[in-house]
């Protein structure tokens, strides 16, 4: 069994990296937009309400945080989003698992 056979076994940071890599590789703007929209709530759940407020007010901060949303506590809060996305696109994952160049 590979890591991709059981996505639940991956860490939240690994799920983040894989989901963002897949979205970038396939130019999936809709997922990246969904991630941008979910990030303030994820940061609030992770105990970073000051980041959530700043992100809701400044798009540039939101975009910058999207790149960093693999930080463990925020990634944990966004884990369901990553799992849902990766399960929907499971056929695309084998070629992306170890590819880090996007």
PDB file of N, CA and C in Angstrom:
ATOM      1  N   UNK A   1       0.844  -1.175   0.000  1.00  0.00           N
ATOM      2  CA  UNK A   1       0.000   0.000   0.000  1.00  0.00           C
ATOM      3  C   UNK A   1       0.893   1.243   0.000  1.00  0.00           C
ATOM      4  N   UNK A   2       0.618   2.169  -0.884  1.00  0.00           N
ATOM      5  CA  UNK A   2       1.373   3.418  -0.920  1.00  0.00           C
ATOM      6  C   UNK A   2       0.680   4.446  -0.032  1.00  0.00           C
ATOM      7  N   UNK A   3       1.372   5.544   0.236  1.00  0.00           N
ATOM      8  CA  UNK A   3       0.787   6.616   1.034  1.00  0.00           C
ATOM      9  C   UNK A   3      -0.497   7.145   0.407  1.00  0.00           C
ATOM     10  N   UNK A   4      -0.561   7.113  -0.914  1.00  0.00           N
ATOM     11  CA  UNK A   4      -1.725   7.669  -1.600  1.00  0.00           C
ATOM     12  C   UNK A   4      -2.923   6.739  -1.553  1.00  0.00           C
ATOM     13  N   UNK A   5      -2.713   5.476  -1.181  1.00  0.00           N
ATOM     14  CA  UNK A   5      -3.841   4.556  -1.052  1.00  0.00           C
ATOM     15  C   UNK A   5      -4.710   4.926   0.140  1.00  0.00           C
ATOM     16  N   UNK A   6      -4.137   5.528   1.142  1.00  0.00           N
ATOM     17  CA  UNK A   6      -4.865   5.923   2.340  1.00  0.00           C
ATOM     18  C   UNK A   6      -4.513   7.370   2.675  1.00  0.00           C
ATOM     19  N   UNK A   7      -5.240   8.293   2.099  1.00  0.00           N
ATOM     20  CA  UNK A   7      -4.955   9.712   2.306  1.00  0.00           C
ATOM     21  C   UNK A   7      -5.066  10.100   3.772  1.00  0.00           C
ATOM     22  N   UNK A   8      -5.950   9.431   4.517  1.00  0.00           N
ATOM     23  CA  UNK A   8      -6.109   9.749   5.934  1.00  0.00           C
ATOM     24  C   UNK A   8      -4.830   9.517   6.722  1.00  0.00           C
ATOM     25  N   UNK A   9      -3.951   8.676   6.207  1.00  0.00           N
ATOM     26  CA  UNK A   9      -2.704   8.382   6.915  1.00  0.00           C
ATOM     27  C   UNK A   9      -1.668   9.489   6.749  1.00  0.00           C
ATOM     28  N   UNK A  10      -1.864  10.367   5.777  1.00  0.00           N
ATOM     29  CA  UNK A  10      -0.923  11.461   5.551  1.00  0.00           C
ATOM     30  C   UNK A  10      -1.132  12.555   6.593  1.00  0.00           C
ATOM     31  N   UNK A  11      -0.073  13.267   6.911  1.00  0.00           N
ATOM     32  CA  UNK A  11      -0.204  14.407   7.823  1.00  0.00           C
ATOM     33  C   UNK A  11      -0.979  15.523   7.115  1.00  0.00           C
ATOM     34  N   UNK A  12      -1.506  16.425   7.897  1.00  0.00           N
ATOM     35  CA  UNK A  12      -2.234  17.556   7.314  1.00  0.00           C
ATOM     36  C   UNK A  12      -1.335  18.394   6.423  1.00  0.00           C
ATOM     37  N   UNK A  13      -0.079  18.554   6.815  1.00  0.00           N
ATOM     38  CA  UNK A  13       0.859  19.310   5.978  1.00  0.00           C
ATOM     39  C   UNK A  13       1.112  18.591   4.657  1.00  0.00           C
ATOM     40  N   UNK A  14       1.209  17.274   4.692  1.00  0.00           N
ATOM     41  CA  UNK A  14       1.393  16.509   3.453  1.00  0.00           C
ATOM     42  C   UNK A  14       0.164  16.623   2.564  1.00  0.00           C
ATOM     43  N   UNK A  15      -1.027  16.597   3.168  1.00  0.00           N
ATOM     44  CA  UNK A  15      -2.260  16.770   2.390  1.00  0.00           C
ATOM     45  C   UNK A  15      -2.288  18.147   1.743  1.00  0.00           C
ATOM     46  N   UNK A  16      -1.918  19.174   2.508  1.00  0.00           N
ATOM     47  CA  UNK A  16      -1.864  20.531   1.959  1.00  0.00           C
ATOM     48  C   UNK A  16      -0.940  20.580   0.756  1.00  0.00           C
ATOM     49  N   UNK A  17       0.281  20.072   0.936  1.00  0.00           N
ATOM     50  CA  UNK A  17       1.273  20.133  -0.134  1.00  0.00           C
ATOM     51  C   UNK A  17       0.786  19.410  -1.378  1.00  0.00           C
ATOM     52  N   UNK A  18       0.199  18.239  -1.199  1.00  0.00           N
ATOM     53  CA  UNK A  18      -0.277  17.449  -2.328  1.00  0.00           C
ATOM     54  C   UNK A  18      -1.457  18.132  -3.022  1.00  0.00           C
ATOM     55  N   UNK A  19      -2.395  18.668  -2.244  1.00  0.00           N
ATOM     56  CA  UNK A  19      -3.558  19.338  -2.828  1.00  0.00           C
ATOM     57  C   UNK A  19      -3.146  20.590  -3.599  1.00  0.00           C
ATOM     58  N   UNK A  20      -2.263  21.395  -3.014  1.00  0.00           N
ATOM     59  CA  UNK A  20      -1.818  22.615  -3.694  1.00  0.00           C
ATOM     60  C   UNK A  20      -0.999  22.258  -4.931  1.00  0.00           C
ATOM     61  N   UNK A  21      -0.163  21.234  -4.821  1.00  0.00           N
ATOM     62  CA  UNK A  21       0.634  20.794  -5.972  1.00  0.00           C
ATOM     63  C   UNK A  21      -0.280  20.340  -7.106  1.00  0.00           C
ATOM     64  N   UNK A  22      -1.321  19.569  -6.763  1.00  0.00           N
ATOM     65  CA  UNK A  22      -2.262  19.091  -7.784  1.00  0.00           C
ATOM     66  C   UNK A  22      -2.990  20.281  -8.427  1.00  0.00           C
ATOM     67  N   UNK A  23      -3.442  21.219  -7.604  1.00  0.00           N
ATOM     68  CA  UNK A  23      -4.172  22.378  -8.121  1.00  0.00           C
ATOM     69  C   UNK A  23      -3.287  23.229  -9.019  1.00  0.00           C
ATOM     70  N   UNK A  24      -2.044  23.428  -8.616  1.00  0.00           N
ATOM     71  CA  UNK A  24      -1.119  24.210  -9.449  1.00  0.00           C
ATOM     72  C   UNK A  24      -0.826  23.477 -10.752  1.00  0.00           C
ATOM     73  N   UNK A  25      -0.584  22.191 -10.664  1.00  0.00           N
ATOM     74  CA  UNK A  25      -0.253  21.400 -11.850  1.00  0.00           C
ATOM     75  C   UNK A  25      -1.392  21.430 -12.876  1.00  0.00           C
ATOM     76  N   UNK A  26      -2.626  21.399 -12.400  1.00  0.00           N
ATOM     77  CA  UNK A  26      -3.797  21.377 -13.275  1.00  0.00           C
ATOM     78  C   UNK A  26      -4.452  22.747 -13.427  1.00  0.00           C
ATOM     79  N   UNK A  27      -3.772  23.781 -12.927  1.00  0.00           N
ATOM     80  CA  UNK A  27      -4.308  25.152 -12.999  1.00  0.00           C
ATOM     81  C   UNK A  27      -5.742  25.206 -12.476  1.00  0.00           C
ATOM     82  N   UNK A  28      -5.979  24.552 -11.347  1.00  0.00           N
ATOM     83  CA  UNK A  28      -7.306  24.461 -10.750  1.00  0.00           C
ATOM     84  C   UNK A  28      -7.571  25.690  -9.884  1.00  0.00           C
ATOM     85  N   UNK A  29      -7.923  26.771 -10.546  1.00  0.00           N
ATOM     86  CA  UNK A  29      -8.167  28.037  -9.869  1.00  0.00           C
ATOM     87  C   UNK A  29      -9.350  27.924  -8.910  1.00  0.00           C
ATOM     88  N   UNK A  30     -10.328  27.106  -9.232  1.00  0.00           N
ATOM     89  CA  UNK A  30     -11.494  26.998  -8.352  1.00  0.00           C
ATOM     90  C   UNK A  30     -11.105  26.417  -6.989  1.00  0.00           C
ATOM     91  N   UNK A  31     -10.214  25.427  -6.949  1.00  0.00           N
ATOM     92  CA  UNK A  31      -9.780  24.906  -5.652  1.00  0.00           C
ATOM     93  C   UNK A  31      -8.954  25.946  -4.903  1.00  0.00           C
ATOM     94  N   UNK A  32      -8.048  26.611  -5.604  1.00  0.00           N
ATOM     95  CA  UNK A  32      -7.229  27.627  -4.936  1.00  0.00           C
ATOM     96  C   UNK A  32      -8.109  28.742  -4.381  1.00  0.00           C
ATOM     97  N   UNK A  33      -9.153  29.107  -5.117  1.00  0.00           N
ATOM     98  CA  UNK A  33     -10.093  30.116  -4.625  1.00  0.00           C
ATOM     99  C   UNK A  33     -10.840  29.587  -3.403  1.00  0.00           C
ATOM    100  N   UNK A  34     -11.253  28.325  -3.440  1.00  0.00           N
ATOM    101  CA  UNK A  34     -11.932  27.717  -2.289  1.00  0.00           C
ATOM    102  C   UNK A  34     -11.006  27.726  -1.066  1.00  0.00           C
ATOM    103  N   UNK A  35      -9.745  27.423  -1.290  1.00  0.00           N
ATOM    104  CA  UNK A  35      -8.769  27.449  -0.207  1.00  0.00           C
ATOM    105  C   UNK A  35      -8.616  28.863   0.344  1.00  0.00           C
ATOM    106  N   UNK A  36      -8.554  29.855  -0.534  1.00  0.00           N
ATOM    107  CA  UNK A  36      -8.471  31.245  -0.090  1.00  0.00           C
ATOM    108  C   UNK A  36      -9.669  31.625   0.778  1.00  0.00           C
ATOM    109  N   UNK A  37     -10.842  31.163   0.371  1.00  0.00           N
ATOM    110  CA  UNK A  37     -12.055  31.482   1.125  1.00  0.00           C
ATOM    111  C   UNK A  37     -12.099  30.763   2.463  1.00  0.00           C
ATOM    112  N   UNK A  38     -11.546  29.548   2.529  1.00  0.00           N
ATOM    113  CA  UNK A  38     -11.581  28.754   3.758  1.00  0.00           C
ATOM    114  C   UNK A  38     -10.490  29.141   4.747  1.00  0.00           C
ATOM    115  N   UNK A  39      -9.453  29.775   4.276  1.00  0.00           N
ATOM    116  CA  UNK A  39      -8.295  30.053   5.122  1.00  0.00           C
ATOM    117  C   UNK A  39      -8.610  30.876   6.371  1.00  0.00           C
ATOM    118  N   UNK A  40      -9.376  31.968   6.288  1.00  0.00           N
ATOM    119  CA  UNK A  40      -9.660  32.712   7.529  1.00  0.00           C
ATOM    120  C   UNK A  40     -10.351  31.851   8.587  1.00  0.00           C
ATOM    121  N   UNK A  41     -11.289  31.021   8.178  1.00  0.00           N
ATOM    122  CA  UNK A  41     -11.963  30.142   9.141  1.00  0.00           C
ATOM    123  C   UNK A  41     -10.982  29.124   9.703  1.00  0.00           C
ATOM    124  N   UNK A  42     -10.107  28.595   8.861  1.00  0.00           N
ATOM    125  CA  UNK A  42      -9.102  27.642   9.319  1.00  0.00           C
ATOM    126  C   UNK A  42      -8.160  28.266  10.328  1.00  0.00           C
ATOM    127  N   UNK A  43      -7.777  29.495  10.091  1.00  0.00           N
ATOM    128  CA  UNK A  43      -6.892  30.173  11.033  1.00  0.00           C
ATOM    129  C   UNK A  43      -7.615  30.471  12.342  1.00  0.00           C
ATOM    130  N   UNK A  44      -8.892  30.807  12.280  1.00  0.00           N
ATOM    131  CA  UNK A  44      -9.654  31.054  13.506  1.00  0.00           C
ATOM    132  C   UNK A  44      -9.772  29.766  14.318  1.00  0.00           C
ATOM    133  N   UNK A  45     -10.075  28.656  13.663  1.00  0.00           N
ATOM    134  CA  UNK A  45     -10.179  27.365  14.343  1.00  0.00           C
ATOM    135  C   UNK A  45      -8.836  26.975  14.952  1.00  0.00           C
ATOM    136  N   UNK A  46      -7.746  27.303  14.257  1.00  0.00           N
ATOM    137  CA  UNK A  46      -6.404  26.958  14.725  1.00  0.00           C
ATOM    138  C   UNK A  46      -5.921  27.889  15.833  1.00  0.00           C
ATOM    139  N   UNK A  47      -6.758  28.860  16.213  1.00  0.00           N
ATOM    140  CA  UNK A  47      -6.383  29.755  17.297  1.00  0.00           C
ATOM    141  C   UNK A  47      -5.607  30.978  16.861  1.00  0.00           C
ATOM    142  N   UNK A  48      -5.767  31.364  15.605  1.00  0.00           N
ATOM    143  CA  UNK A  48      -5.086  32.555  15.086  1.00  0.00           C
ATOM    144  C   UNK A  48      -6.117  33.589  14.607  1.00  0.00           C
ATOM    145  N   UNK A  49      -6.987  34.059  15.510  1.00  0.00           N
ATOM    146  CA  UNK A  49      -8.033  34.982  15.057  1.00  0.00           C
ATOM    147  C   UNK A  49      -7.484  36.281  14.484  1.00  0.00           C
ATOM    148  N   UNK A  50      -6.310  36.713  14.948  1.00  0.00           N
ATOM    149  CA  UNK A  50      -5.725  37.940  14.407  1.00  0.00           C
ATOM    150  C   UNK A  50      -5.367  37.765  12.936  1.00  0.00           C
ATOM    151  N   UNK A  51      -4.899  36.569  12.551  1.00  0.00           N
ATOM    152  CA  UNK A  51      -4.605  36.301  11.143  1.00  0.00           C
ATOM    153  C   UNK A  51      -5.893  36.221  10.333  1.00  0.00           C
ATOM    154  N   UNK A  52      -6.914  35.610  10.910  1.00  0.00           N
ATOM    155  CA  UNK A  52      -8.188  35.485  10.203  1.00  0.00           C
ATOM    156  C   UNK A  52      -8.761  36.854   9.888  1.00  0.00           C
ATOM    157  N   UNK A  53      -8.715  37.758  10.850  1.00  0.00           N
ATOM    158  CA  UNK A  53      -9.236  39.098  10.633  1.00  0.00           C
ATOM    159  C   UNK A  53      -8.418  39.837   9.576  1.00  0.00           C
ATOM    160  N   UNK A  54      -7.103  39.741   9.664  1.00  0.00           N
ATOM    161  CA  UNK A  54      -6.242  40.412   8.687  1.00  0.00           C
ATOM    162  C   UNK A  54      -6.471  39.830   7.295  1.00  0.00           C
ATOM    163  N   UNK A  55      -6.616  38.510   7.222  1.00  0.00           N
ATOM    164  CA  UNK A  55      -6.826  37.867   5.928  1.00  0.00           C
ATOM    165  C   UNK A  55      -8.147  38.281   5.309  1.00  0.00           C
ATOM    166  N   UNK A  56      -9.165  38.394   6.112  1.00  0.00           N
ATOM    167  CA  UNK A  56     -10.467  38.794   5.591  1.00  0.00           C
ATOM    168  C   UNK A  56     -10.430  40.219   5.064  1.00  0.00           C
ATOM    169  N   UNK A  57      -9.517  41.036   5.596  1.00  0.00           N
ATOM    170  CA  UNK A  57      -9.456  42.440   5.198  1.00  0.00           C
ATOM    171  C   UNK A  57      -8.454  42.702   4.089  1.00  0.00           C
ATOM    172  N   UNK A  58      -7.445  41.874   3.938  1.00  0.00           N
ATOM    173  CA  UNK A  58      -6.399  42.130   2.956  1.00  0.00           C
ATOM    174  C   UNK A  58      -6.181  40.916   2.065  1.00  0.00           C
ATOM    175  N   UNK A  59      -6.525  41.036   0.817  1.00  0.00           N
ATOM    176  CA  UNK A  59      -6.364  39.925  -0.109  1.00  0.00           C
ATOM    177  C   UNK A  59      -4.905  39.519  -0.245  1.00  0.00           C
ATOM    178  N   UNK A  60      -4.003  40.454  -0.202  1.00  0.00           N
ATOM    179  CA  UNK A  60      -2.588  40.102  -0.330  1.00  0.00           C
ATOM    180  C   UNK A  60      -2.130  39.209   0.818  1.00  0.00           C
ATOM    181  N   UNK A  61      -2.596  39.481   2.021  1.00  0.00           N
ATOM    182  CA  UNK A  61      -2.262  38.631   3.166  1.00  0.00           C
ATOM    183  C   UNK A  61      -2.869  37.253   2.980  1.00  0.00           C
ATOM    184  N   UNK A  62      -4.077  37.200   2.448  1.00  0.00           N
ATOM    185  CA  UNK A  62      -4.755  35.921   2.210  1.00  0.00           C
ATOM    186  C   UNK A  62      -3.991  35.081   1.200  1.00  0.00           C
ATOM    187  N   UNK A  63      -3.536  35.707   0.127  1.00  0.00           N
ATOM    188  CA  UNK A  63      -2.778  34.975  -0.885  1.00  0.00           C
ATOM    189  C   UNK A  63      -1.452  34.488  -0.308  1.00  0.00           C
ATOM    190  N   UNK A  64      -0.774  35.318   0.438  1.00  0.00           N
ATOM    191  CA  UNK A  64       0.488  34.908   1.057  1.00  0.00           C
ATOM    192  C   UNK A  64       0.265  33.761   2.029  1.00  0.00           C
ATOM    193  N   UNK A  65      -0.808  33.811   2.804  1.00  0.00           N
ATOM    194  CA  UNK A  65      -1.096  32.748   3.762  1.00  0.00           C
ATOM    195  C   UNK A  65      -1.483  31.449   3.073  1.00  0.00           C
ATOM    196  N   UNK A  66      -2.056  31.526   1.886  1.00  0.00           N
ATOM    197  CA  UNK A  66      -2.416  30.317   1.162  1.00  0.00           C
ATOM    198  C   UNK A  66      -1.181  29.483   0.873  1.00  0.00           C
ATOM    199  N   UNK A  67      -0.112  30.137   0.520  1.00  0.00           N
ATOM    200  CA  UNK A  67       1.135  29.439   0.251  1.00  0.00           C
ATOM    201  C   UNK A  67       1.647  28.773   1.520  1.00  0.00           C
ATOM    202  N   UNK A  68       1.427  29.417   2.666  1.00  0.00           N
ATOM    203  CA  UNK A  68       1.917  28.914   3.945  1.00  0.00           C
ATOM    204  C   UNK A  68       0.879  28.124   4.727  1.00  0.00           C
ATOM    205  N   UNK A  69      -0.292  27.845   4.151  1.00  0.00           N
ATOM    206  CA  UNK A  69      -1.353  27.192   4.917  1.00  0.00           C
ATOM    207  C   UNK A  69      -1.061  25.729   5.199  1.00  0.00           C
ATOM    208  N   UNK A  70       0.134  25.275   4.850  1.00  0.00           N
ATOM    209  CA  UNK A  70       0.558  23.943   5.223  1.00  0.00           C
ATOM    210  C   UNK A  70       1.130  23.897   6.629  1.00  0.00           C
ATOM    211  N   UNK A  71       1.238  25.070   7.312  1.00  0.00           N
ATOM    212  CA  UNK A  71       1.672  25.077   8.706  1.00  0.00           C
ATOM    213  C   UNK A  71       0.745  24.158   9.480  1.00  0.00           C
ATOM    214  N   UNK A  72       1.298  23.388  10.392  1.00  0.00           N
ATOM    215  CA  UNK A  72       0.581  22.256  10.972  1.00  0.00           C
ATOM    216  C   UNK A  72      -0.773  22.591  11.577  1.00  0.00           C
ATOM    217  N   UNK A  73      -0.894  23.638  12.377  1.00  0.00           N
ATOM    218  CA  UNK A  73      -2.179  23.902  13.019  1.00  0.00           C
ATOM    219  C   UNK A  73      -3.229  24.387  12.028  1.00  0.00           C
ATOM    220  N   UNK A  74      -2.837  25.215  11.073  1.00  0.00           N
ATOM    221  CA  UNK A  74      -3.780  25.665  10.052  1.00  0.00           C
ATOM    222  C   UNK A  74      -4.115  24.515   9.112  1.00  0.00           C
ATOM    223  N   UNK A  75      -3.115  23.729   8.733  1.00  0.00           N
ATOM    224  CA  UNK A  75      -3.360  22.576   7.868  1.00  0.00           C
ATOM    225  C   UNK A  75      -4.310  21.596   8.541  1.00  0.00           C
ATOM    226  N   UNK A  76      -4.176  21.412   9.851  1.00  0.00           N
ATOM    227  CA  UNK A  76      -5.089  20.527  10.576  1.00  0.00           C
ATOM    228  C   UNK A  76      -6.525  21.043  10.483  1.00  0.00           C
ATOM    229  N   UNK A  77      -6.695  22.349  10.593  1.00  0.00           N
ATOM    230  CA  UNK A  77      -8.031  22.931  10.515  1.00  0.00           C
ATOM    231  C   UNK A  77      -8.629  22.799   9.117  1.00  0.00           C
ATOM    232  N   UNK A  78      -7.761  22.812   8.101  1.00  0.00           N
ATOM    233  CA  UNK A  78      -8.224  22.714   6.708  1.00  0.00           C
ATOM    234  C   UNK A  78      -8.161  21.292   6.167  1.00  0.00           C
ATOM    235  N   UNK A  79      -7.803  20.323   7.007  1.00  0.00           N
ATOM    236  CA  UNK A  79      -7.658  18.924   6.599  1.00  0.00           C
ATOM    237  C   UNK A  79      -8.872  18.390   5.822  1.00  0.00           C
ATOM    238  N   UNK A  80     -10.109  18.635   6.273  1.00  0.00           N
ATOM    239  CA  UNK A  80     -11.261  18.115   5.515  1.00  0.00           C
ATOM    240  C   UNK A  80     -11.320  18.644   4.077  1.00  0.00           C
ATOM    241  N   UNK A  81     -10.938  19.900   3.885  1.00  0.00           N
ATOM    242  CA  UNK A  81     -10.920  20.491   2.543  1.00  0.00           C
ATOM    243  C   UNK A  81      -9.915  19.763   1.660  1.00  0.00           C
ATOM    244  N   UNK A  82      -8.701  19.521   2.196  1.00  0.00           N
ATOM    245  CA  UNK A  82      -7.678  18.819   1.424  1.00  0.00           C
ATOM    246  C   UNK A  82      -8.103  17.389   1.107  1.00  0.00           C
ATOM    247  N   UNK A  83      -8.647  16.686   2.092  1.00  0.00           N
ATOM    248  CA  UNK A  83      -9.068  15.293   1.870  1.00  0.00           C
ATOM    249  C   UNK A  83     -10.154  15.209   0.810  1.00  0.00           C
ATOM    250  N   UNK A  84     -11.142  16.095   0.886  1.00  0.00           N
ATOM    251  CA  UNK A  84     -12.224  16.091  -0.099  1.00  0.00           C
ATOM    252  C   UNK A  84     -11.680  16.322  -1.503  1.00  0.00           C
ATOM    253  N   UNK A  85     -10.827  17.329  -1.631  1.00  0.00           N
ATOM    254  CA  UNK A  85     -10.249  17.659  -2.936  1.00  0.00           C
ATOM    255  C   UNK A  85      -9.411  16.505  -3.480  1.00  0.00           C
ATOM    256  N   UNK A  86      -8.548  15.960  -2.656  1.00  0.00           N
ATOM    257  CA  UNK A  86      -7.661  14.887  -3.119  1.00  0.00           C
ATOM    258  C   UNK A  86      -8.431  13.612  -3.438  1.00  0.00           C
ATOM    259  N   UNK A  87      -9.465  13.318  -2.686  1.00  0.00           N
ATOM    260  CA  UNK A  87     -10.276  12.143  -3.003  1.00  0.00           C
ATOM    261  C   UNK A  87     -11.011  12.311  -4.325  1.00  0.00           C
ATOM    262  N   UNK A  88     -11.436  13.519  -4.646  1.00  0.00           N
ATOM    263  CA  UNK A  88     -12.106  13.782  -5.929  1.00  0.00           C
ATOM    264  C   UNK A  88     -11.155  13.628  -7.106  1.00  0.00           C
ATOM    265  N   UNK A  89      -9.872  13.834  -6.878  1.00  0.00           N
ATOM    266  CA  UNK A  89      -8.876  13.816  -7.952  1.00  0.00           C
ATOM    267  C   UNK A  89      -7.828  12.733  -7.739  1.00  0.00           C
ATOM    268  N   UNK A  90      -8.237  11.644  -7.138  1.00  0.00           N
ATOM    269  CA  UNK A  90      -7.325  10.554  -6.779  1.00  0.00           C
ATOM    270  C   UNK A  90      -6.533  10.041  -7.983  1.00  0.00           C
ATOM    271  N   UNK A  91      -7.131  10.012  -9.172  1.00  0.00           N
ATOM    272  CA  UNK A  91      -6.435   9.491 -10.360  1.00  0.00           C
ATOM    273  C   UNK A  91      -5.227  10.337 -10.753  1.00  0.00           C
ATOM    274  N   UNK A  92      -5.205  11.604 -10.370  1.00  0.00           N
ATOM    275  CA  UNK A  92      -4.108  12.499 -10.720  1.00  0.00           C
ATOM    276  C   UNK A  92      -2.948  12.435  -9.747  1.00  0.00           C
ATOM    277  N   UNK A  93      -3.101  11.794  -8.619  1.00  0.00           N
ATOM    278  CA  UNK A  93      -2.144  11.904  -7.531  1.00  0.00           C
ATOM    279  C   UNK A  93      -0.840  11.121  -7.703  1.00  0.00           C
ATOM    280  N   UNK A  94      -0.833   9.932  -8.300  1.00  0.00           N
ATOM    281  CA  UNK A  94       0.415   9.187  -8.343  1.00  0.00           C
ATOM    282  C   UNK A  94       1.602   9.951  -8.940  1.00  0.00           C
ATOM    283  N   UNK A  95       1.380  10.725  -9.957  1.00  0.00           N
ATOM    284  CA  UNK A  95       2.468  11.478 -10.560  1.00  0.00           C
ATOM    285  C   UNK A  95       2.883  12.700  -9.774  1.00  0.00           C
ATOM    286  N   UNK A  96       2.080  13.081  -8.791  1.00  0.00           N
ATOM    287  CA  UNK A  96       2.358  14.294  -8.022  1.00  0.00           C
ATOM    288  C   UNK A  96       2.946  14.020  -6.654  1.00  0.00           C
ATOM    289  N   UNK A  97       2.878  12.798  -6.195  1.00  0.00           N
ATOM    290  CA  UNK A  97       3.239  12.488  -4.811  1.00  0.00           C
ATOM    291  C   UNK A  97       4.642  12.934  -4.453  1.00  0.00           C
ATOM    292  N   UNK A  98       5.580  12.776  -5.335  1.00  0.00           N
ATOM    293  CA  UNK A  98       6.958  13.127  -5.014  1.00  0.00           C
ATOM    294  C   UNK A  98       7.496  14.248  -5.886  1.00  0.00           C
ATOM    295  N   UNK A  99       6.624  14.855  -6.688  1.00  0.00           N
ATOM    296  CA  UNK A  99       7.000  15.965  -7.552  1.00  0.00           C
ATOM    297  C   UNK A  99       6.836  17.246  -6.773  1.00  0.00           C
ATOM    298  N   UNK A 100       7.891  17.985  -6.555  1.00  0.00           N
ATOM    299  CA  UNK A 100       7.806  19.214  -5.754  1.00  0.00           C
ATOM    300  C   UNK A 100       7.889  20.480  -6.582  1.00  0.00           C
ATOM    301  N   UNK A 101       7.954  20.374  -7.901  1.00  0.00           N
ATOM    302  CA  UNK A 101       8.108  21.586  -8.699  1.00  0.00           C
ATOM    303  C   UNK A 101       6.791  22.152  -9.193  1.00  0.00           C
ATOM    304  N   UNK A 102       5.650  21.608  -8.745  1.00  0.00           N
ATOM    305  CA  UNK A 102       4.357  22.179  -9.076  1.00  0.00           C
ATOM    306  C   UNK A 102       3.877  21.714 -10.390  1.00  0.00           C
TER     307      UNK A 102
END
